[in-house]
């Protein structure tokens, strides 16, 4: 978009800011923006101001699964303070973690029924950067302890990639060495990944991004990474229930091919390269072409389900690559304008 230069006084010049940009970041008159000179470019950026200071709700008759949804949604939206109201501080609740996922393997981390405070504390422990700061007979106050930063966001993204990489290594090790014990902590590790995912969403909602479209691409990328990680829970759940696969070699080979695909995407995420895009596409096509022959096999102890989830992982990586491609050319269009 183009803007006219307006002369102000003897030595000053101004340009107007797009209304949609100002409203999108909730900026106000007399607020501040950062202005960076970069050759023939002038980069204007600002932190998103948030009006989401405090919110409260009552948990009377709210079951644990819905309470999880309330707290996680409010947390991701970027509220600084959450006030949870209740009528009976001694009411007993199911263990919060018994509802954290739908996977039966998580039954083993169920605990005893607890009062309101320890129940809410268990949930708060699941999120980064918030703590219970006050508790009384009828309410609990949860508050952000420090303002999240771009650096924290970058570190959280790295942790997500690290955990997914570890999932791949654990699966390959379990199949290669015929030892499934390494998969026993997959569900608990995925809970840690979810913490970083929710934290990244929170930072995006609180600080915004260089453009609304860039934020949308980042949100979608985070969502697909979480969905990808969930496929490992399904694979681990199946293997831990049904035992060691009889036909290990094709599963191992398929896993290694998709792991390579993920490593290529990890590299592409941080530094765009056309050759990486092509290589990821070729790997995806190979997985798509080869996987039907595994589905057709019989007498393999139901291992088609493992190939199904591995192929889903490959499809997620391909979709993530498409998003990265869109992000790159969106960035180039901004620079061109």
Foldseek 3Di string as FASTA:
>chain_A
DDWDWDDDPDPDIDTDDDPVVCVVLVHDPVDDWDWDDDPPDIDTGFFRADPQAEDEDECVVPALLVVLVVVLVSLLLAYFKYKYWYQAQFDWHWANQVNVDPFPLSVVVTDGTGGDVVNVQVSPVLAPQKDFDDDDRTMTMIGGPDQDDPVLLVVLVVVLLVLVLVLLVLVLCCLVVVNLPSLSCLVVSLSNNVNSLSVNSNNCNRTNDSDPVLSVLVNVLSVLSSVLSVLSVVLSSVCVVQHHWPDRVVLSVLSVLLSVLSVLLVVCLVPNDPVSLVVLVVSLVVLVVPLVVVCPDPPGSPCNSVSVSSNVSSVSSNVNSVSSVVSVVVVVVVVVD
